[in-house]
Amino acid sequence: MKAIYLEGEDREADTLGVKGLGELVLICVAPAIANAVFNTTGRRLRALPITAEALL
């Protein structure tokens, strides 16, 4: 993983003026995997971790 620093500040989103995007990208991973499991198996799992035992 490589950190890239951008010029400028964002005082509206953060009082320090820091721009952060990493957290927003990581939030979507677990729901995407859960939806893929649902589309494949037809069973909606709402708790993590998703295990084979939970699908049985």
PDB file of N, CA and C in Angstrom:
ATOM      1  N   MET A   1       0.852  -1.163   0.000  1.00  0.00           N
ATOM      2  CA  MET A   1       0.000   0.000   0.000  1.00  0.00           C
ATOM      3  C   MET A   1       0.901   1.230   0.000  1.00  0.00           C
ATOM      4  N   LYS A   2       0.511   2.187  -0.769  1.00  0.00           N
ATOM      5  CA  LYS A   2       1.313   3.404  -0.878  1.00  0.00           C
ATOM      6  C   LYS A   2       0.445   4.605  -0.544  1.00  0.00           C
ATOM      7  N   ALA A   3       0.923   5.458   0.333  1.00  0.00           N
ATOM      8  CA  ALA A   3       0.206   6.681   0.698  1.00  0.00           C
ATOM      9  C   ALA A   3       0.592   7.796  -0.268  1.00  0.00           C
ATOM     10  N   ILE A   4      -0.425   8.496  -0.749  1.00  0.00           N
ATOM     11  CA  ILE A   4      -0.198   9.630  -1.640  1.00  0.00           C
ATOM     12  C   ILE A   4      -0.771  10.868  -0.964  1.00  0.00           C
ATOM     13  N   TYR A   5       0.028  11.883  -0.822  1.00  0.00           N
ATOM     14  CA  TYR A   5      -0.406  13.107  -0.178  1.00  0.00           C
ATOM     15  C   TYR A   5      -0.822  14.132  -1.218  1.00  0.00           C
ATOM     16  N   LEU A   6      -1.987  14.717  -1.017  1.00  0.00           N
ATOM     17  CA  LEU A   6      -2.517  15.709  -1.938  1.00  0.00           C
ATOM     18  C   LEU A   6      -2.367  17.100  -1.344  1.00  0.00           C
ATOM     19  N   GLU A   7      -2.178  18.048  -2.196  1.00  0.00           N
ATOM     20  CA  GLU A   7      -2.086  19.442  -1.757  1.00  0.00           C
ATOM     21  C   GLU A   7      -3.466  19.962  -1.397  1.00  0.00           C
ATOM     22  N   GLY A   8      -3.519  20.928  -0.507  1.00  0.00           N
ATOM     23  CA  GLY A   8      -4.775  21.569  -0.154  1.00  0.00           C
ATOM     24  C   GLY A   8      -5.336  21.067   1.164  1.00  0.00           C
ATOM     25  N   GLU A   9      -6.336  21.768   1.632  1.00  0.00           N
ATOM     26  CA  GLU A   9      -6.975  21.434   2.898  1.00  0.00           C
ATOM     27  C   GLU A   9      -8.478  21.293   2.703  1.00  0.00           C
ATOM     28  N   ASP A  10      -9.109  20.551   3.606  1.00  0.00           N
ATOM     29  CA  ASP A  10     -10.561  20.396   3.589  1.00  0.00           C
ATOM     30  C   ASP A  10     -11.073  20.656   5.002  1.00  0.00           C
ATOM     31  N   ARG A  11     -11.283  21.917   5.331  1.00  0.00           N
ATOM     32  CA  ARG A  11     -11.707  22.304   6.675  1.00  0.00           C
ATOM     33  C   ARG A  11     -13.175  21.972   6.945  1.00  0.00           C
ATOM     34  N   GLU A  12     -13.964  21.740   5.917  1.00  0.00           N
ATOM     35  CA  GLU A  12     -15.369  21.395   6.124  1.00  0.00           C
ATOM     36  C   GLU A  12     -15.533  19.961   6.617  1.00  0.00           C
ATOM     37  N   ALA A  13     -14.721  19.052   6.113  1.00  0.00           N
ATOM     38  CA  ALA A  13     -14.820  17.643   6.495  1.00  0.00           C
ATOM     39  C   ALA A  13     -14.087  17.355   7.793  1.00  0.00           C
ATOM     40  N   ASP A  14     -13.026  18.101   8.079  1.00  0.00           N
ATOM     41  CA  ASP A  14     -12.205  17.833   9.253  1.00  0.00           C
ATOM     42  C   ASP A  14     -11.603  19.143   9.751  1.00  0.00           C
ATOM     43  N   THR A  15     -11.584  19.322  11.058  1.00  0.00           N
ATOM     44  CA  THR A  15     -11.058  20.569  11.615  1.00  0.00           C
ATOM     45  C   THR A  15      -9.553  20.704  11.403  1.00  0.00           C
ATOM     46  N   LEU A  16      -8.855  19.591  11.196  1.00  0.00           N
ATOM     47  CA  LEU A  16      -7.422  19.644  10.937  1.00  0.00           C
ATOM     48  C   LEU A  16      -7.099  19.945   9.478  1.00  0.00           C
ATOM     49  N   GLY A  17      -8.106  19.838   8.620  1.00  0.00           N
ATOM     50  CA  GLY A  17      -7.896  20.082   7.200  1.00  0.00           C
ATOM     51  C   GLY A  17      -7.364  18.869   6.460  1.00  0.00           C
ATOM     52  N   VAL A  18      -7.453  17.710   7.084  1.00  0.00           N
ATOM     53  CA  VAL A  18      -6.903  16.483   6.506  1.00  0.00           C
ATOM     54  C   VAL A  18      -7.902  15.864   5.542  1.00  0.00           C
ATOM     55  N   LYS A  19      -7.411  15.413   4.403  1.00  0.00           N
ATOM     56  CA  LYS A  19      -8.245  14.697   3.444  1.00  0.00           C
ATOM     57  C   LYS A  19      -7.969  13.209   3.613  1.00  0.00           C
ATOM     58  N   GLY A  20      -9.018  12.440   3.900  1.00  0.00           N
ATOM     59  CA  GLY A  20      -8.850  11.004   4.043  1.00  0.00           C
ATOM     60  C   GLY A  20      -9.876  10.271   3.219  1.00  0.00           C
ATOM     61  N   LEU A  21      -9.438   9.259   2.476  1.00  0.00           N
ATOM     62  CA  LEU A  21     -10.358   8.497   1.644  1.00  0.00           C
ATOM     63  C   LEU A  21     -10.269   7.006   1.921  1.00  0.00           C
ATOM     64  N   GLY A  22      -9.232   6.552   2.584  1.00  0.00           N
ATOM     65  CA  GLY A  22      -9.034   5.131   2.808  1.00  0.00           C
ATOM     66  C   GLY A  22     -10.168   4.468   3.557  1.00  0.00           C
ATOM     67  N   GLU A  23     -10.714   5.131   4.574  1.00  0.00           N
ATOM     68  CA  GLU A  23     -11.792   4.544   5.352  1.00  0.00           C
ATOM     69  C   GLU A  23     -13.044   4.358   4.517  1.00  0.00           C
ATOM     70  N   LEU A  24     -13.340   5.266   3.640  1.00  0.00           N
ATOM     71  CA  LEU A  24     -14.537   5.170   2.809  1.00  0.00           C
ATOM     72  C   LEU A  24     -14.466   3.980   1.864  1.00  0.00           C
ATOM     73  N   VAL A  25     -13.301   3.695   1.356  1.00  0.00           N
ATOM     74  CA  VAL A  25     -13.141   2.583   0.431  1.00  0.00           C
ATOM     75  C   VAL A  25     -13.286   1.256   1.156  1.00  0.00           C
ATOM     76  N   LEU A  26     -12.769   1.143   2.372  1.00  0.00           N
ATOM     77  CA  LEU A  26     -12.805  -0.115   3.111  1.00  0.00           C
ATOM     78  C   LEU A  26     -14.190  -0.460   3.636  1.00  0.00           C
ATOM     79  N   ILE A  27     -15.057   0.513   3.822  1.00  0.00           N
ATOM     80  CA  ILE A  27     -16.389   0.275   4.363  1.00  0.00           C
ATOM     81  C   ILE A  27     -17.215  -0.591   3.421  1.00  0.00           C
ATOM     82  N   CYS A  28     -16.991  -0.520   2.138  1.00  0.00           N
ATOM     83  CA  CYS A  28     -17.828  -1.216   1.148  1.00  0.00           C
ATOM     84  C   CYS A  28     -17.449  -2.670   0.929  1.00  0.00           C
ATOM     85  N   VAL A  29     -16.340  -3.141   1.443  1.00  0.00           N
ATOM     86  CA  VAL A  29     -15.864  -4.488   1.138  1.00  0.00           C
ATOM     87  C   VAL A  29     -16.758  -5.559   1.744  1.00  0.00           C
ATOM     88  N   ALA A  30     -17.040  -5.495   3.039  1.00  0.00           N
ATOM     89  CA  ALA A  30     -17.840  -6.538   3.702  1.00  0.00           C
ATOM     90  C   ALA A  30     -19.256  -6.640   3.133  1.00  0.00           C
ATOM     91  N   PRO A  31     -19.976  -5.528   2.922  1.00  0.00           N
ATOM     92  CA  PRO A  31     -21.300  -5.650   2.306  1.00  0.00           C
ATOM     93  C   PRO A  31     -21.251  -6.221   0.893  1.00  0.00           C
ATOM     94  N   ALA A  32     -20.218  -5.909   0.137  1.00  0.00           N
ATOM     95  CA  ALA A  32     -20.103  -6.442  -1.217  1.00  0.00           C
ATOM     96  C   ALA A  32     -19.910  -7.956  -1.182  1.00  0.00           C
ATOM     97  N   ILE A  33     -19.101  -8.440  -0.256  1.00  0.00           N
ATOM     98  CA  ILE A  33     -18.902  -9.884  -0.126  1.00  0.00           C
ATOM     99  C   ILE A  33     -20.184 -10.545   0.351  1.00  0.00           C
ATOM    100  N   ALA A  34     -20.878  -9.927   1.318  1.00  0.00           N
ATOM    101  CA  ALA A  34     -22.138 -10.491   1.808  1.00  0.00           C
ATOM    102  C   ALA A  34     -23.180 -10.559   0.692  1.00  0.00           C
ATOM    103  N   ASN A  35     -23.240  -9.553  -0.167  1.00  0.00           N
ATOM    104  CA  ASN A  35     -24.175  -9.578  -1.302  1.00  0.00           C
ATOM    105  C   ASN A  35     -23.788 -10.644  -2.317  1.00  0.00           C
ATOM    106  N   ALA A  36     -22.491 -10.856  -2.523  1.00  0.00           N
ATOM    107  CA  ALA A  36     -22.049 -11.905  -3.438  1.00  0.00           C
ATOM    108  C   ALA A  36     -22.437 -13.278  -2.897  1.00  0.00           C
ATOM    109  N   VAL A  37     -22.304 -13.465  -1.580  1.00  0.00           N
ATOM    110  CA  VAL A  37     -22.712 -14.728  -0.961  1.00  0.00           C
ATOM    111  C   VAL A  37     -24.217 -14.910  -1.107  1.00  0.00           C
ATOM    112  N   PHE A  38     -24.989 -13.855  -0.905  1.00  0.00           N
ATOM    113  CA  PHE A  38     -26.439 -13.930  -1.059  1.00  0.00           C
ATOM    114  C   PHE A  38     -26.837 -14.273  -2.492  1.00  0.00           C
ATOM    115  N   ASN A  39     -26.194 -13.624  -3.455  1.00  0.00           N
ATOM    116  CA  ASN A  39     -26.512 -13.891  -4.861  1.00  0.00           C
ATOM    117  C   ASN A  39     -26.150 -15.316  -5.260  1.00  0.00           C
ATOM    118  N   THR A  40     -25.125 -15.872  -4.647  1.00  0.00           N
ATOM    119  CA  THR A  40     -24.689 -17.224  -4.972  1.00  0.00           C
ATOM    120  C   THR A  40     -25.528 -18.286  -4.274  1.00  0.00           C
ATOM    121  N   THR A  41     -25.800 -18.071  -2.983  1.00  0.00           N
ATOM    122  CA  THR A  41     -26.447 -19.118  -2.187  1.00  0.00           C
ATOM    123  C   THR A  41     -27.927 -18.870  -1.952  1.00  0.00           C
ATOM    124  N   GLY A  42     -28.368 -17.628  -2.050  1.00  0.00           N
ATOM    125  CA  GLY A  42     -29.760 -17.300  -1.748  1.00  0.00           C
ATOM    126  C   GLY A  42     -30.016 -17.108  -0.263  1.00  0.00           C
ATOM    127  N   ARG A  43     -28.975 -17.155   0.536  1.00  0.00           N
ATOM    128  CA  ARG A  43     -29.125 -16.983   1.983  1.00  0.00           C
ATOM    129  C   ARG A  43     -28.495 -15.670   2.408  1.00  0.00           C
ATOM    130  N   ARG A  44     -29.283 -14.823   3.069  1.00  0.00           N
ATOM    131  CA  ARG A  44     -28.810 -13.509   3.512  1.00  0.00           C
ATOM    132  C   ARG A  44     -28.171 -13.649   4.889  1.00  0.00           C
ATOM    133  N   LEU A  45     -26.879 -13.344   4.988  1.00  0.00           N
ATOM    134  CA  LEU A  45     -26.156 -13.381   6.257  1.00  0.00           C
ATOM    135  C   LEU A  45     -25.941 -11.951   6.716  1.00  0.00           C
ATOM    136  N   ARG A  46     -26.286 -11.674   7.950  1.00  0.00           N
ATOM    137  CA  ARG A  46     -26.183 -10.307   8.467  1.00  0.00           C
ATOM    138  C   ARG A  46     -25.175 -10.172   9.588  1.00  0.00           C
ATOM    139  N   ALA A  47     -24.370 -11.211   9.804  1.00  0.00           N
ATOM    140  CA  ALA A  47     -23.353 -11.160  10.856  1.00  0.00           C
ATOM    141  C   ALA A  47     -22.004 -11.579  10.276  1.00  0.00           C
ATOM    142  N   LEU A  48     -20.973 -10.963  10.766  1.00  0.00           N
ATOM    143  CA  LEU A  48     -19.612 -11.301  10.353  1.00  0.00           C
ATOM    144  C   LEU A  48     -18.930 -12.070  11.465  1.00  0.00           C
ATOM    145  N   PRO A  49     -18.035 -12.939  11.176  1.00  0.00           N
ATOM    146  CA  PRO A  49     -17.524 -13.321   9.871  1.00  0.00           C
ATOM    147  C   PRO A  49     -18.475 -14.273   9.169  1.00  0.00           C
ATOM    148  N   ILE A  50     -18.414 -14.298   7.862  1.00  0.00           N
ATOM    149  CA  ILE A  50     -19.209 -15.224   7.068  1.00  0.00           C
ATOM    150  C   ILE A  50     -18.440 -16.538   6.992  1.00  0.00           C
ATOM    151  N   THR A  51     -19.011 -17.576   7.551  1.00  0.00           N
ATOM    152  CA  THR A  51     -18.349 -18.873   7.584  1.00  0.00           C
ATOM    153  C   THR A  51     -19.201 -19.912   6.880  1.00  0.00           C
ATOM    154  N   ALA A  52     -18.594 -21.041   6.586  1.00  0.00           N
ATOM    155  CA  ALA A  52     -19.325 -22.143   5.959  1.00  0.00           C
ATOM    156  C   ALA A  52     -20.411 -22.653   6.899  1.00  0.00           C
ATOM    157  N   GLU A  53     -20.144 -22.664   8.191  1.00  0.00           N
ATOM    158  CA  GLU A  53     -21.136 -23.112   9.168  1.00  0.00           C
ATOM    159  C   GLU A  53     -22.373 -22.218   9.167  1.00  0.00           C
ATOM    160  N   ALA A  54     -22.189 -20.936   8.929  1.00  0.00           N
ATOM    161  CA  ALA A  54     -23.331 -20.013   8.905  1.00  0.00           C
ATOM    162  C   ALA A  54     -24.213 -20.263   7.690  1.00  0.00           C
ATOM    163  N   LEU A  55     -23.658 -20.825   6.633  1.00  0.00           N
ATOM    164  CA  LEU A  55     -24.423 -21.096   5.426  1.00  0.00           C
ATOM    165  C   LEU A  55     -25.210 -22.392   5.502  1.00  0.00           C
ATOM    166  N   LEU A  56     -24.828 -23.286   6.412  1.00  0.00           N
ATOM    167  CA  LEU A  56     -25.493 -24.580   6.524  1.00  0.00           C
ATOM    168  C   LEU A  56     -26.781 -24.496   7.303  1.00  0.00           C
TER     169      LEU A  56
END
